[in-house]
PDB file of N, CA and C in Angstrom:
ATOM      1  N   MET A   1     117.220  96.167  97.904  1.00  0.00           N
ATOM      2  CA  MET A   1     116.072  96.775  98.542  1.00  0.00           C
ATOM      3  C   MET A   1     115.710  98.107  97.874  1.00  0.00           C
ATOM      4  N   GLN A   2     116.724  98.864  97.476  1.00  0.00           N
ATOM      5  CA  GLN A   2     116.471 100.134  96.810  1.00  0.00           C
ATOM      6  C   GLN A   2     115.744  99.914  95.481  1.00  0.00           C
ATOM      7  N   ASN A   3     116.106  98.837  94.784  1.00  0.00           N
ATOM      8  CA  ASN A   3     115.435  98.521  93.523  1.00  0.00           C
ATOM      9  C   ASN A   3     113.966  98.229  93.752  1.00  0.00           C
ATOM     10  N   GLU A   4     113.690  97.479  94.818  1.00  0.00           N
ATOM     11  CA  GLU A   4     112.303  97.169  95.144  1.00  0.00           C
ATOM     12  C   GLU A   4     111.535  98.438  95.481  1.00  0.00           C
ATOM     13  N   GLN A   5     112.176  99.378  96.144  1.00  0.00           N
ATOM     14  CA  GLN A   5     111.525 100.639  96.486  1.00  0.00           C
ATOM     15  C   GLN A   5     111.190 101.420  95.218  1.00  0.00           C
ATOM     16  N   ARG A   6     112.103 101.424  94.264  1.00  0.00           N
ATOM     17  CA  ARG A   6     111.836 102.110  92.988  1.00  0.00           C
ATOM     18  C   ARG A   6     110.684 101.439  92.245  1.00  0.00           C
ATOM     19  N   THR A   7     110.689 100.106  92.236  1.00  0.00           N
ATOM     20  CA  THR A   7     109.617  99.355  91.586  1.00  0.00           C
ATOM     21  C   THR A   7     108.290  99.676  92.255  1.00  0.00           C
ATOM     22  N   PHE A   8     108.299  99.726  93.579  1.00  0.00           N
ATOM     23  CA  PHE A   8     107.089 100.062  94.336  1.00  0.00           C
ATOM     24  C   PHE A   8     106.607 101.466  93.980  1.00  0.00           C
ATOM     25  N   SER A   9     107.498 102.426  93.955  1.00  0.00           N
ATOM     26  CA  SER A   9     107.124 103.815  93.609  1.00  0.00           C
ATOM     27  C   SER A   9     106.540 103.895  92.211  1.00  0.00           C
ATOM     28  N   ALA A  10     107.136 103.177  91.279  1.00  0.00           N
ATOM     29  CA  ALA A  10     106.626 103.171  89.906  1.00  0.00           C
ATOM     30  C   ALA A  10     105.249 102.526  89.829  1.00  0.00           C
ATOM     31  N   ALA A  11     105.043 101.446  90.583  1.00  0.00           N
ATOM     32  CA  ALA A  11     103.748 100.767  90.583  1.00  0.00           C
ATOM     33  C   ALA A  11     102.664 101.668  91.172  1.00  0.00           C
ATOM     34  N   LEU A  12     102.998 102.397  92.245  1.00  0.00           N
ATOM     35  CA  LEU A  12     102.024 103.329  92.828  1.00  0.00           C
ATOM     36  C   LEU A  12     101.678 104.445  91.852  1.00  0.00           C
ATOM     37  N   ALA A  13     102.679 104.978  91.191  1.00  0.00           N
ATOM     38  CA  ALA A  13     102.438 106.044  90.211  1.00  0.00           C
ATOM     39  C   ALA A  13     101.553 105.532  89.074  1.00  0.00           C
ATOM     40  N   SER A  14     101.816 104.321  88.638  1.00  0.00           N
ATOM     41  CA  SER A  14     101.016 103.733  87.566  1.00  0.00           C
ATOM     42  C   SER A  14      99.576 103.500  88.017  1.00  0.00           C
ATOM     43  N   LEU A  15      99.407 102.998  89.240  1.00  0.00           N
ATOM     44  CA  LEU A  15      98.066 102.801  89.789  1.00  0.00           C
ATOM     45  C   LEU A  15      97.321 104.120  89.855  1.00  0.00           C
ATOM     46  N   GLN A  16      97.964 105.150  90.382  1.00  0.00           N
ATOM     47  CA  GLN A  16      97.307 106.446  90.521  1.00  0.00           C
ATOM     48  C   GLN A  16      96.960 107.051  89.160  1.00  0.00           C
ATOM     49  N   GLY A  17      97.864 106.916  88.205  1.00  0.00           N
ATOM     50  CA  GLY A  17      97.596 107.436  86.863  1.00  0.00           C
ATOM     51  C   GLY A  17      96.443 106.714  86.186  1.00  0.00           C
ATOM     52  N   THR A  18      96.427 105.401  86.288  1.00  0.00           N
ATOM     53  CA  THR A  18      95.355 104.618  85.690  1.00  0.00           C
ATOM     54  C   THR A  18      94.024 104.936  86.362  1.00  0.00           C
ATOM     55  N   ALA A  19      94.047 105.038  87.700  1.00  0.00           N
ATOM     56  CA  ALA A  19      92.822 105.357  88.433  1.00  0.00           C
ATOM     57  C   ALA A  19      92.301 106.748  88.062  1.00  0.00           C
ATOM     58  N   SER A  20      93.187 107.711  87.934  1.00  0.00           N
ATOM     59  CA  SER A  20      92.770 109.068  87.541  1.00  0.00           C
ATOM     60  C   SER A  20      92.147 109.075  86.157  1.00  0.00           C
ATOM     61  N   ASN A  21      92.767 108.353  85.250  1.00  0.00           N
ATOM     62  CA  ASN A  21      92.241 108.264  83.894  1.00  0.00           C
ATOM     63  C   ASN A  21      90.873 107.590  83.897  1.00  0.00           C
ATOM     64  N   PHE A  22      90.760 106.496  84.644  1.00  0.00           N
ATOM     65  CA  PHE A  22      89.484 105.793  84.751  1.00  0.00           C
ATOM     66  C   PHE A  22      88.405 106.721  85.303  1.00  0.00           C
ATOM     67  N   ALA A  23      88.739 107.447  86.368  1.00  0.00           N
ATOM     68  CA  ALA A  23      87.769 108.350  86.986  1.00  0.00           C
ATOM     69  C   ALA A  23      87.307 109.420  86.004  1.00  0.00           C
ATOM     70  N   ALA A  24      88.245 109.997  85.294  1.00  0.00           N
ATOM     71  CA  ALA A  24      87.906 111.072  84.359  1.00  0.00           C
ATOM     72  C   ALA A  24      87.018 110.568  83.221  1.00  0.00           C
ATOM     73  N   GLN A  25      87.251 109.350  82.767  1.00  0.00           N
ATOM     74  CA  GLN A  25      86.506 108.828  81.622  1.00  0.00           C
ATOM     75  C   GLN A  25      85.221 108.109  82.003  1.00  0.00           C
ATOM     76  N   SER A  26      85.162 107.570  83.217  1.00  0.00           N
ATOM     77  CA  SER A  26      84.064 106.666  83.535  1.00  0.00           C
ATOM     78  C   SER A  26      83.107 107.142  84.609  1.00  0.00           C
ATOM     79  N   ILE A  27      83.496 108.091  85.420  1.00  0.00           N
ATOM     80  CA  ILE A  27      82.637 108.518  86.527  1.00  0.00           C
ATOM     81  C   ILE A  27      82.093 109.908  86.214  1.00  0.00           C
ATOM     82  N   GLN A  28      80.795 109.971  86.010  1.00  0.00           N
ATOM     83  CA  GLN A  28      80.165 111.220  85.591  1.00  0.00           C
ATOM     84  C   GLN A  28      79.886 112.165  86.758  1.00  0.00           C
ATOM     85  N   ASP A  29      79.549 111.641  87.899  1.00  0.00           N
ATOM     86  CA  ASP A  29      79.230 112.454  89.074  1.00  0.00           C
ATOM     87  C   ASP A  29      80.521 112.978  89.685  1.00  0.00           C
ATOM     88  N   SER A  30      80.677 114.297  89.753  1.00  0.00           N
ATOM     89  CA  SER A  30      81.934 114.878  90.226  1.00  0.00           C
ATOM     90  C   SER A  30      82.241 114.517  91.674  1.00  0.00           C
ATOM     91  N   ARG A  31      81.214 114.439  92.525  1.00  0.00           N
ATOM     92  CA  ARG A  31      81.457 114.065  93.922  1.00  0.00           C
ATOM     93  C   ARG A  31      81.933 112.622  94.030  1.00  0.00           C
ATOM     94  N   VAL A  32      81.345 111.738  93.260  1.00  0.00           N
ATOM     95  CA  VAL A  32      81.758 110.335  93.268  1.00  0.00           C
ATOM     96  C   VAL A  32      83.182 110.213  92.722  1.00  0.00           C
ATOM     97  N   CYS A  33      83.466 110.952  91.679  1.00  0.00           N
ATOM     98  CA  CYS A  33      84.804 110.943  91.073  1.00  0.00           C
ATOM     99  C   CYS A  33      85.846 111.418  92.092  1.00  0.00           C
ATOM    100  N   GLU A  34      85.557 112.512  92.773  1.00  0.00           N
ATOM    101  CA  GLU A  34      86.489 113.045  93.771  1.00  0.00           C
ATOM    102  C   GLU A  34      86.704 112.055  94.914  1.00  0.00           C
ATOM    103  N   GLN A  35      85.615 111.409  95.354  1.00  0.00           N
ATOM    104  CA  GLN A  35      85.736 110.427  96.438  1.00  0.00           C
ATOM    105  C   GLN A  35      86.569 109.226  95.981  1.00  0.00           C
ATOM    106  N   TYR A  36      86.358 108.788  94.763  1.00  0.00           N
ATOM    107  CA  TYR A  36      87.130 107.676  94.208  1.00  0.00           C
ATOM    108  C   TYR A  36      88.624 108.018  94.193  1.00  0.00           C
ATOM    109  N   LEU A  37      88.958 109.213  93.756  1.00  0.00           N
ATOM    110  CA  LEU A  37      90.356 109.632  93.715  1.00  0.00           C
ATOM    111  C   LEU A  37      90.948 109.745  95.122  1.00  0.00           C
ATOM    112  N   ARG A  38      90.148 110.234  96.076  1.00  0.00           N
ATOM    113  CA  ARG A  38      90.624 110.283  97.471  1.00  0.00           C
ATOM    114  C   ARG A  38      90.873 108.875  98.002  1.00  0.00           C
ATOM    115  N   ASP A  39      89.991 107.952  97.647  1.00  0.00           N
ATOM    116  CA  ASP A  39      90.156 106.565  98.098  1.00  0.00           C
ATOM    117  C   ASP A  39      91.426 105.936  97.521  1.00  0.00           C
ATOM    118  N   ILE A  40      91.722 106.233  96.266  1.00  0.00           N
ATOM    119  CA  ILE A  40      92.945 105.706  95.645  1.00  0.00           C
ATOM    120  C   ILE A  40      94.171 106.301  96.347  1.00  0.00           C
ATOM    121  N   GLN A  41      94.141 107.593  96.647  1.00  0.00           N
ATOM    122  CA  GLN A  41      95.255 108.226  97.363  1.00  0.00           C
ATOM    123  C   GLN A  41      95.418 107.600  98.749  1.00  0.00           C
ATOM    124  N   LYS A  42      94.296 107.366  99.433  1.00  0.00           N
ATOM    125  CA  LYS A  42      94.332 106.751 100.760  1.00  0.00           C
ATOM    126  C   LYS A  42      94.919 105.333 100.675  1.00  0.00           C
ATOM    127  N   MET A  43      94.508 104.588  99.684  1.00  0.00           N
ATOM    128  CA  MET A  43      95.021 103.240  99.501  1.00  0.00           C
ATOM    129  C   MET A  43      96.524 103.265  99.212  1.00  0.00           C
ATOM    130  N   SER A  44      96.954 104.202  98.404  1.00  0.00           N
ATOM    131  CA  SER A  44      98.381 104.342  98.101  1.00  0.00           C
ATOM    132  C   SER A  44      99.163 104.657  99.370  1.00  0.00           C
ATOM    133  N   ALA A  45      98.607 105.537 100.206  1.00  0.00           N
ATOM    134  CA  ALA A  45      99.261 105.879 101.472  1.00  0.00           C
ATOM    135  C   ALA A  45      99.315 104.661 102.399  1.00  0.00           C
ATOM    136  N   GLU A  46      98.273 103.842 102.378  1.00  0.00           N
ATOM    137  CA  GLU A  46      98.271 102.627 103.200  1.00  0.00           C
ATOM    138  C   GLU A  46      99.356 101.659 102.736  1.00  0.00           C
ATOM    139  N   PHE A  47      99.530 101.536 101.439  1.00  0.00           N
ATOM    140  CA  PHE A  47     100.616 100.703 100.912  1.00  0.00           C
ATOM    141  C   PHE A  47     101.960 101.229 101.413  1.00  0.00           C
ATOM    142  N   ALA A  48     102.140 102.547 101.321  1.00  0.00           N
ATOM    143  CA  ALA A  48     103.409 103.152 101.748  1.00  0.00           C
ATOM    144  C   ALA A  48     103.651 102.920 103.243  1.00  0.00           C
ATOM    145  N   ARG A  49     102.609 103.068 104.054  1.00  0.00           N
ATOM    146  CA  ARG A  49     102.753 102.827 105.497  1.00  0.00           C
ATOM    147  C   ARG A  49     103.090 101.362 105.780  1.00  0.00           C
ATOM    148  N   ALA A  50     102.470 100.457 105.053  1.00  0.00           N
ATOM    149  CA  ALA A  50     102.747  99.028 105.243  1.00  0.00           C
ATOM    150  C   ALA A  50     104.196  98.709 104.910  1.00  0.00           C
ATOM    151  N   VAL A  51     104.723  99.352 103.876  1.00  0.00           N
ATOM    152  CA  VAL A  51     106.124  99.147 103.501  1.00  0.00           C
ATOM    153  C   VAL A  51     107.036  99.756 104.572  1.00  0.00           C
ATOM    154  N   GLU A  52     106.734 100.981 104.970  1.00  0.00           N
ATOM    155  CA  GLU A  52     107.567 101.660 105.973  1.00  0.00           C
ATOM    156  C   GLU A  52     107.598 100.921 107.307  1.00  0.00           C
ATOM    157  N   SER A  53     106.473 100.315 107.680  1.00  0.00           N
ATOM    158  CA  SER A  53     106.402  99.621 108.970  1.00  0.00           C
ATOM    159  C   SER A  53     106.942  98.195 108.898  1.00  0.00           C
ATOM    160  N   GLY A  54     107.240  97.735 107.688  1.00  0.00           N
ATOM    161  CA  GLY A  54     107.772  96.385 107.532  1.00  0.00           C
ATOM    162  C   GLY A  54     106.699  95.312 107.442  1.00  0.00           C
ATOM    163  N   LYS A  55     105.432  95.700 107.425  1.00  0.00           N
ATOM    164  CA  LYS A  55     104.347  94.722 107.297  1.00  0.00           C
ATOM    165  C   LYS A  55     104.309  94.104 105.913  1.00  0.00           C
ATOM    166  N   MET A  56     104.877  94.833 104.957  1.00  0.00           N
ATOM    167  CA  MET A  56     104.874  94.393 103.571  1.00  0.00           C
ATOM    168  C   MET A  56     106.186  94.827 102.941  1.00  0.00           C
ATOM    169  N   SER A  57     106.741  93.972 102.089  1.00  0.00           N
ATOM    170  CA  SER A  57     107.957  94.384 101.385  1.00  0.00           C
ATOM    171  C   SER A  57     107.557  95.309 100.239  1.00  0.00           C
ATOM    172  N   PRO A  58     108.490  96.127  99.752  1.00  0.00           N
ATOM    173  CA  PRO A  58     108.178  96.974  98.600  1.00  0.00           C
ATOM    174  C   PRO A  58     107.712  96.146  97.403  1.00  0.00           C
ATOM    175  N   ARG A  59     108.304  94.975  97.227  1.00  0.00           N
ATOM    176  CA  ARG A  59     107.926  94.114  96.102  1.00  0.00           C
ATOM    177  C   ARG A  59     106.485  93.612  96.248  1.00  0.00           C
ATOM    178  N   GLU A  60     106.112  93.219  97.467  1.00  0.00           N
ATOM    179  CA  GLU A  60     104.731  92.766  97.704  1.00  0.00           C
ATOM    180  C   GLU A  60     103.739  93.903  97.446  1.00  0.00           C
ATOM    181  N   ALA A  61     104.067  95.079  97.941  1.00  0.00           N
ATOM    182  CA  ALA A  61     103.187  96.229  97.742  1.00  0.00           C
ATOM    183  C   ALA A  61     103.099  96.596  96.258  1.00  0.00           C
ATOM    184  N   ALA A  62     104.218  96.523  95.557  1.00  0.00           N
ATOM    185  CA  ALA A  62     104.216  96.817  94.119  1.00  0.00           C
ATOM    186  C   ALA A  62     103.344  95.809  93.373  1.00  0.00           C
ATOM    187  N   THR A  63     103.420  94.562  93.764  1.00  0.00           N
ATOM    188  CA  THR A  63     102.609  93.525  93.127  1.00  0.00           C
ATOM    189  C   THR A  63     101.123  93.786  93.357  1.00  0.00           C
ATOM    190  N   LEU A  64     100.749  94.123  94.576  1.00  0.00           N
ATOM    191  CA  LEU A  64      99.346  94.428  94.865  1.00  0.00           C
ATOM    192  C   LEU A  64      98.876  95.667  94.106  1.00  0.00           C
ATOM    193  N   ALA A  65      99.698  96.697  94.071  1.00  0.00           N
ATOM    194  CA  ALA A  65      99.331  97.919  93.342  1.00  0.00           C
ATOM    195  C   ALA A  65      99.169  97.618  91.852  1.00  0.00           C
ATOM    196  N   SER A  66     100.039  96.787  91.323  1.00  0.00           N
ATOM    197  CA  SER A  66      99.951  96.411  89.907  1.00  0.00           C
ATOM    198  C   SER A  66      98.688  95.603  89.638  1.00  0.00           C
ATOM    199  N   GLN A  67      98.335  94.710  90.547  1.00  0.00           N
ATOM    200  CA  GLN A  67      97.104  93.933  90.388  1.00  0.00           C
ATOM    201  C   GLN A  67      95.880  94.840  90.402  1.00  0.00           C
ATOM    202  N   MET A  68      95.887  95.822  91.303  1.00  0.00           N
ATOM    203  CA  MET A  68      94.769  96.763  91.364  1.00  0.00           C
ATOM    204  C   MET A  68      94.669  97.576  90.082  1.00  0.00           C
ATOM    205  N   ARG A  69      95.817  97.986  89.577  1.00  0.00           N
ATOM    206  CA  ARG A  69      95.840  98.737  88.315  1.00  0.00           C
ATOM    207  C   ARG A  69      95.233  97.902  87.199  1.00  0.00           C
ATOM    208  N   ASN A  70      95.607  96.617  87.143  1.00  0.00           N
ATOM    209  CA  ASN A  70      95.072  95.738  86.102  1.00  0.00           C
ATOM    210  C   ASN A  70      93.564  95.561  86.242  1.00  0.00           C
ATOM    211  N   GLU A  71      93.070  95.502  87.476  1.00  0.00           N
ATOM    212  CA  GLU A  71      91.627  95.391  87.696  1.00  0.00           C
ATOM    213  C   GLU A  71      90.909  96.657  87.227  1.00  0.00           C
ATOM    214  N   ILE A  72      91.512  97.809  87.472  1.00  0.00           N
ATOM    215  CA  ILE A  72      90.912  99.066  87.009  1.00  0.00           C
ATOM    216  C   ILE A  72      90.873  99.086  85.485  1.00  0.00           C
ATOM    217  N   LEU A  73      91.939  98.620  84.853  1.00  0.00           N
ATOM    218  CA  LEU A  73      91.943  98.561  83.390  1.00  0.00           C
ATOM    219  C   LEU A  73      90.838  97.643  82.886  1.00  0.00           C
ATOM    220  N   ASP A  74      90.645  96.502  83.546  1.00  0.00           N
ATOM    221  CA  ASP A  74      89.573  95.588  83.151  1.00  0.00           C
ATOM    222  C   ASP A  74      88.209  96.264  83.299  1.00  0.00           C
ATOM    223  N   LEU A  75      88.016  97.004  84.392  1.00  0.00           N
ATOM    224  CA  LEU A  75      86.757  97.720  84.590  1.00  0.00           C
ATOM    225  C   LEU A  75      86.541  98.780  83.515  1.00  0.00           C
ATOM    226  N   SER A  76      87.610  99.460  83.151  1.00  0.00           N
ATOM    227  CA  SER A  76      87.467 100.510  82.142  1.00  0.00           C
ATOM    228  C   SER A  76      87.108  99.926  80.784  1.00  0.00           C
ATOM    229  N   ARG A  77      87.511  98.707  80.532  1.00  0.00           N
ATOM    230  CA  ARG A  77      87.150  98.057  79.269  1.00  0.00           C
ATOM    231  C   ARG A  77      85.657  97.786  79.173  1.00  0.00           C
ATOM    232  N   LEU A  78      84.999  97.644  80.298  1.00  0.00           N
ATOM    233  CA  LEU A  78      83.566  97.371  80.289  1.00  0.00           C
ATOM    234  C   LEU A  78      82.771  98.507  79.669  1.00  0.00           C
ATOM    235  N   ARG A  79      83.334  99.698  79.700  1.00  0.00           N
ATOM    236  CA  ARG A  79      82.636 100.854  79.131  1.00  0.00           C
ATOM    237  C   ARG A  79      82.791 100.941  77.609  1.00  0.00           C
ATOM    238  N   ASN A  80      83.668 100.148  77.046  1.00  0.00           N
ATOM    239  CA  ASN A  80      83.861 100.147  75.597  1.00  0.00           C
ATOM    240  C   ASN A  80      82.713  99.427  74.902  1.00  0.00           C
ATOM    241  N   SER A  81      82.596  99.688  73.621  1.00  0.00           N
ATOM    242  CA  SER A  81      81.649  98.919  72.815  1.00  0.00           C
ATOM    243  C   SER A  81      82.189  97.499  72.697  1.00  0.00           C
ATOM    244  N   PRO A  82      81.353  96.544  72.312  1.00  0.00           N
ATOM    245  CA  PRO A  82      81.854  95.168  72.154  1.00  0.00           C
ATOM    246  C   PRO A  82      83.034  95.079  71.181  1.00  0.00           C
ATOM    247  N   VAL A  83      82.992  95.860  70.117  1.00  0.00           N
ATOM    248  CA  VAL A  83      84.091  95.838  69.141  1.00  0.00           C
ATOM    249  C   VAL A  83      85.349  96.446  69.760  1.00  0.00           C
ATOM    250  N   GLY A  84      85.197  97.570  70.454  1.00  0.00           N
ATOM    251  CA  GLY A  84      86.341  98.200  71.109  1.00  0.00           C
ATOM    252  C   GLY A  84      86.939  97.307  72.180  1.00  0.00           C
ATOM    253  N   ARG A  85      86.088  96.627  72.935  1.00  0.00           N
ATOM    254  CA  ARG A  85      86.553  95.718  73.982  1.00  0.00           C
ATOM    255  C   ARG A  85      87.321  94.549  73.373  1.00  0.00           C
ATOM    256  N   ALA A  86      86.792  93.997  72.283  1.00  0.00           N
ATOM    257  CA  ALA A  86      87.474  92.877  71.623  1.00  0.00           C
ATOM    258  C   ALA A  86      88.828  93.321  71.077  1.00  0.00           C
ATOM    259  N   TYR A  87      88.888  94.508  70.498  1.00  0.00           N
ATOM    260  CA  TYR A  87      90.140  95.027  69.960  1.00  0.00           C
ATOM    261  C   TYR A  87      91.156  95.247  71.082  1.00  0.00           C
ATOM    262  N   ALA A  88      90.698  95.839  72.197  1.00  0.00           N
ATOM    263  CA  ALA A  88      91.599  96.074  73.341  1.00  0.00           C
ATOM    264  C   ALA A  88      92.122  94.755  73.893  1.00  0.00           C
ATOM    265  N   LYS A  89      91.248  93.752  73.983  1.00  0.00           N
ATOM    266  CA  LYS A  89      91.688  92.444  74.492  1.00  0.00           C
ATOM    267  C   LYS A  89      92.668  91.780  73.534  1.00  0.00           C
ATOM    268  N   LYS A  90      92.479  92.001  72.238  1.00  0.00           N
ATOM    269  CA  LYS A  90      93.413  91.430  71.259  1.00  0.00           C
ATOM    270  C   LYS A  90      94.789  92.081  71.409  1.00  0.00           C
ATOM    271  N   LEU A  91      94.805  93.399  71.593  1.00  0.00           N
ATOM    272  CA  LEU A  91      96.074  94.109  71.755  1.00  0.00           C
ATOM    273  C   LEU A  91      96.773  93.725  73.047  1.00  0.00           C
ATOM    274  N   LYS A  92      95.989  93.596  74.106  1.00  0.00           N
ATOM    275  CA  LYS A  92      96.559  93.316  75.432  1.00  0.00           C
ATOM    276  C   LYS A  92      95.530  92.499  76.216  1.00  0.00           C
ATOM    277  N   PRO A  93      95.623  91.163  76.121  1.00  0.00           N
ATOM    278  CA  PRO A  93      94.624  90.307  76.755  1.00  0.00           C
ATOM    279  C   PRO A  93      94.490  90.519  78.264  1.00  0.00           C
ATOM    280  N   ALA A  94      95.588  90.797  78.927  1.00  0.00           N
ATOM    281  CA  ALA A  94      95.549  91.011  80.377  1.00  0.00           C
ATOM    282  C   ALA A  94      96.704  91.923  80.760  1.00  0.00           C
ATOM    283  N   GLY A  95      96.542  92.599  81.882  1.00  0.00           N
ATOM    284  CA  GLY A  95      97.628  93.434  82.386  1.00  0.00           C
ATOM    285  C   GLY A  95      98.804  92.568  82.808  1.00  0.00           C
ATOM    286  N   ARG A  96      99.984  93.100  82.692  1.00  0.00           N
ATOM    287  CA  ARG A  96     101.189  92.351  83.070  1.00  0.00           C
ATOM    288  C   ARG A  96     101.445  92.459  84.563  1.00  0.00           C
ATOM    289  N   THR A  97     101.984  91.397  85.122  1.00  0.00           N
ATOM    290  CA  THR A  97     102.352  91.411  86.534  1.00  0.00           C
ATOM    291  C   THR A  97     103.690  92.127  86.680  1.00  0.00           C
ATOM    292  N   MET A  98     104.026  92.471  87.916  1.00  0.00           N
ATOM    293  CA  MET A  98     105.326  93.116  88.161  1.00  0.00           C
ATOM    294  C   MET A  98     106.464  92.183  87.769  1.00  0.00           C
ATOM    295  N   ALA A  99     106.307  90.908  88.064  1.00  0.00           N
ATOM    296  CA  ALA A  99     107.361  89.945  87.699  1.00  0.00           C
ATOM    297  C   ALA A  99     107.545  89.904  86.187  1.00  0.00           C
ATOM    298  N   ASP A 100     106.439  89.909  85.445  1.00  0.00           N
ATOM    299  CA  ASP A 100     106.517  89.920  83.981  1.00  0.00           C
ATOM    300  C   ASP A 100     107.236  91.172  83.483  1.00  0.00           C
ATOM    301  N   LEU A 101     106.870  92.310  84.050  1.00  0.00           N
ATOM    302  CA  LEU A 101     107.460  93.570  83.605  1.00  0.00           C
ATOM    303  C   LEU A 101     108.951  93.654  83.916  1.00  0.00           C
ATOM    304  N   THR A 102     109.344  93.282  85.131  1.00  0.00           N
ATOM    305  CA  THR A 102     110.766  93.364  85.460  1.00  0.00           C
ATOM    306  C   THR A 102     111.576  92.399  84.597  1.00  0.00           C
ATOM    307  N   GLU A 103     111.034  91.229  84.349  1.00  0.00           N
ATOM    308  CA  GLU A 103     111.734  90.255  83.502  1.00  0.00           C
ATOM    309  C   GLU A 103     111.821  90.755  82.056  1.00  0.00           C
ATOM    310  N   HIS A 104     110.730  91.320  81.563  1.00  0.00           N
ATOM    311  CA  HIS A 104     110.693  91.844  80.192  1.00  0.00           C
ATOM    312  C   HIS A 104     111.775  92.910  79.973  1.00  0.00           C
ATOM    313  N   TYR A 105     111.835  93.881  80.873  1.00  0.00           N
ATOM    314  CA  TYR A 105     112.801  94.965  80.690  1.00  0.00           C
ATOM    315  C   TYR A 105     114.236  94.519  80.956  1.00  0.00           C
ATOM    316  N   ALA A 106     114.425  93.567  81.835  1.00  0.00           N
ATOM    317  CA  ALA A 106     115.777  93.035  82.064  1.00  0.00           C
ATOM    318  C   ALA A 106     116.291  92.377  80.783  1.00  0.00           C
ATOM    319  N   LYS A 107     115.445  91.589  80.162  1.00  0.00           N
ATOM    320  CA  LYS A 107     115.856  90.898  78.928  1.00  0.00           C
ATOM    321  C   LYS A 107     116.012  91.883  77.773  1.00  0.00           C
ATOM    322  N   LYS A 108     115.130  92.859  77.708  1.00  0.00           N
ATOM    323  CA  LYS A 108     115.205  93.857  76.638  1.00  0.00           C
ATOM    324  C   LYS A 108     116.472  94.701  76.744  1.00  0.00           C
ATOM    325  N   MET A 109     116.803  95.103  77.973  1.00  0.00           N
ATOM    326  CA  MET A 109     117.934  96.007  78.166  1.00  0.00           C
ATOM    327  C   MET A 109     119.277  95.286  78.297  1.00  0.00           C
ATOM    328  N   PHE A 110     119.278  94.113  78.927  1.00  0.00           N
ATOM    329  CA  PHE A 110     120.548  93.459  79.258  1.00  0.00           C
ATOM    330  C   PHE A 110     120.668  92.027  78.740  1.00  0.00           C
ATOM    331  N   GLN A 111     119.615  91.524  78.076  1.00  0.00           N
ATOM    332  CA  GLN A 111     119.596  90.165  77.540  1.00  0.00           C
ATOM    333  C   GLN A 111     119.868  89.108  78.623  1.00  0.00           C
ATOM    334  N   ARG A 112     119.431  89.398  79.849  1.00  0.00           N
ATOM    335  CA  ARG A 112     119.588  88.459  80.967  1.00  0.00           C
ATOM    336  C   ARG A 112     118.348  88.526  81.846  1.00  0.00           C
ATOM    337  N   SER A 113     118.174  87.498  82.672  1.00  0.00           N
ATOM    338  CA  SER A 113     117.034  87.504  83.581  1.00  0.00           C
ATOM    339  C   SER A 113     117.235  88.578  84.656  1.00  0.00           C
ATOM    340  N   PHE A 114     116.135  89.053  85.216  1.00  0.00           N
ATOM    341  CA  PHE A 114     116.181  90.109  86.220  1.00  0.00           C
ATOM    342  C   PHE A 114     117.022  89.684  87.419  1.00  0.00           C
ATOM    343  N   GLU A 115     116.850  88.451  87.874  1.00  0.00           N
ATOM    344  CA  GLU A 115     117.569  87.968  89.056  1.00  0.00           C
ATOM    345  C   GLU A 115     119.081  87.912  88.848  1.00  0.00           C
ATOM    346  N   SER A 116     119.529  87.759  87.601  1.00  0.00           N
ATOM    347  CA  SER A 116     120.969  87.646  87.351  1.00  0.00           C
ATOM    348  C   SER A 116     121.657  89.008  87.184  1.00  0.00           C
ATOM    349  N   LEU A 117     120.870  90.088  87.202  1.00  0.00           N
ATOM    350  CA  LEU A 117     121.432  91.426  87.013  1.00  0.00           C
ATOM    351  C   LEU A 117     122.065  91.944  88.307  1.00  0.00           C
ATOM    352  N   SER A 118     123.010  92.857  88.149  1.00  0.00           N
ATOM    353  CA  SER A 118     123.578  93.549  89.306  1.00  0.00           C
ATOM    354  C   SER A 118     122.511  94.490  89.865  1.00  0.00           C
ATOM    355  N   GLU A 119     122.756  95.010  91.054  1.00  0.00           N
ATOM    356  CA  GLU A 119     121.783  95.919  91.668  1.00  0.00           C
ATOM    357  C   GLU A 119     121.548  97.153  90.799  1.00  0.00           C
ATOM    358  N   GLY A 120     122.604  97.690  90.239  1.00  0.00           N
ATOM    359  CA  GLY A 120     122.468  98.861  89.361  1.00  0.00           C
ATOM    360  C   GLY A 120     121.664  98.558  88.107  1.00  0.00           C
ATOM    361  N   GLN A 121     121.894  97.386  87.531  1.00  0.00           N
ATOM    362  CA  GLN A 121     121.142  96.993  86.337  1.00  0.00           C
ATOM    363  C   GLN A 121     119.666  96.748  86.694  1.00  0.00           C
ATOM    364  N   GLN A 122     119.421  96.143  87.855  1.00  0.00           N
ATOM    365  CA  GLN A 122     118.033  95.931  88.282  1.00  0.00           C
ATOM    366  C   GLN A 122     117.343  97.276  88.462  1.00  0.00           C
ATOM    367  N   ALA A 123     118.051  98.230  89.027  1.00  0.00           N
ATOM    368  CA  ALA A 123     117.456  99.562  89.218  1.00  0.00           C
ATOM    369  C   ALA A 123     117.133 100.200  87.878  1.00  0.00           C
ATOM    370  N   ALA A 124     118.033 100.063  86.925  1.00  0.00           N
ATOM    371  CA  ALA A 124     117.797 100.641  85.601  1.00  0.00           C
ATOM    372  C   ALA A 124     116.603  99.997  84.915  1.00  0.00           C
ATOM    373  N   SER A 125     116.484  98.692  85.009  1.00  0.00           N
ATOM    374  CA  SER A 125     115.358  98.007  84.352  1.00  0.00           C
ATOM    375  C   SER A 125     114.061  98.273  85.098  1.00  0.00           C
ATOM    376  N   SER A 126     114.126  98.476  86.416  1.00  0.00           N
ATOM    377  CA  SER A 126     112.914  98.760  87.199  1.00  0.00           C
ATOM    378  C   SER A 126     112.353 100.130  86.874  1.00  0.00           C
ATOM    379  N   LYS A 127     113.208 101.062  86.494  1.00  0.00           N
ATOM    380  CA  LYS A 127     112.743 102.410  86.138  1.00  0.00           C
ATOM    381  C   LYS A 127     111.867 102.397  84.907  1.00  0.00           C
ATOM    382  N   LYS A 128     112.110 101.443  84.023  1.00  0.00           N
ATOM    383  CA  LYS A 128     111.318 101.347  82.791  1.00  0.00           C
ATOM    384  C   LYS A 128     109.924 100.908  83.134  1.00  0.00           C
TER     385      LYS A 128
END
């Protein structure tokens, strides 16, 4: 459960960072930008409350936060030129899911699947 909490915290931080970057680069109106950032903070707090109340597991919340982050990245690509968008899609066709990321780092760090790792190893790979 602690590993899932760390994964959730990392996913929220990533969502907030991506959203902040998107706002700074894509939203010209300062009031709209500020409201967008407040909405992202509010959404992050709602995820945290859902986890704390047991309505959602940390893993479920992390997955949703990661999906939202990927959607923001897709939106930010729309502002690129066609050549820039094609290059970005070639480098990274789609955002990775939480399951993909945890599996990737488990194999990279321990040469084993995430599920087969000890709790300490899962925590270490989740931090990445």
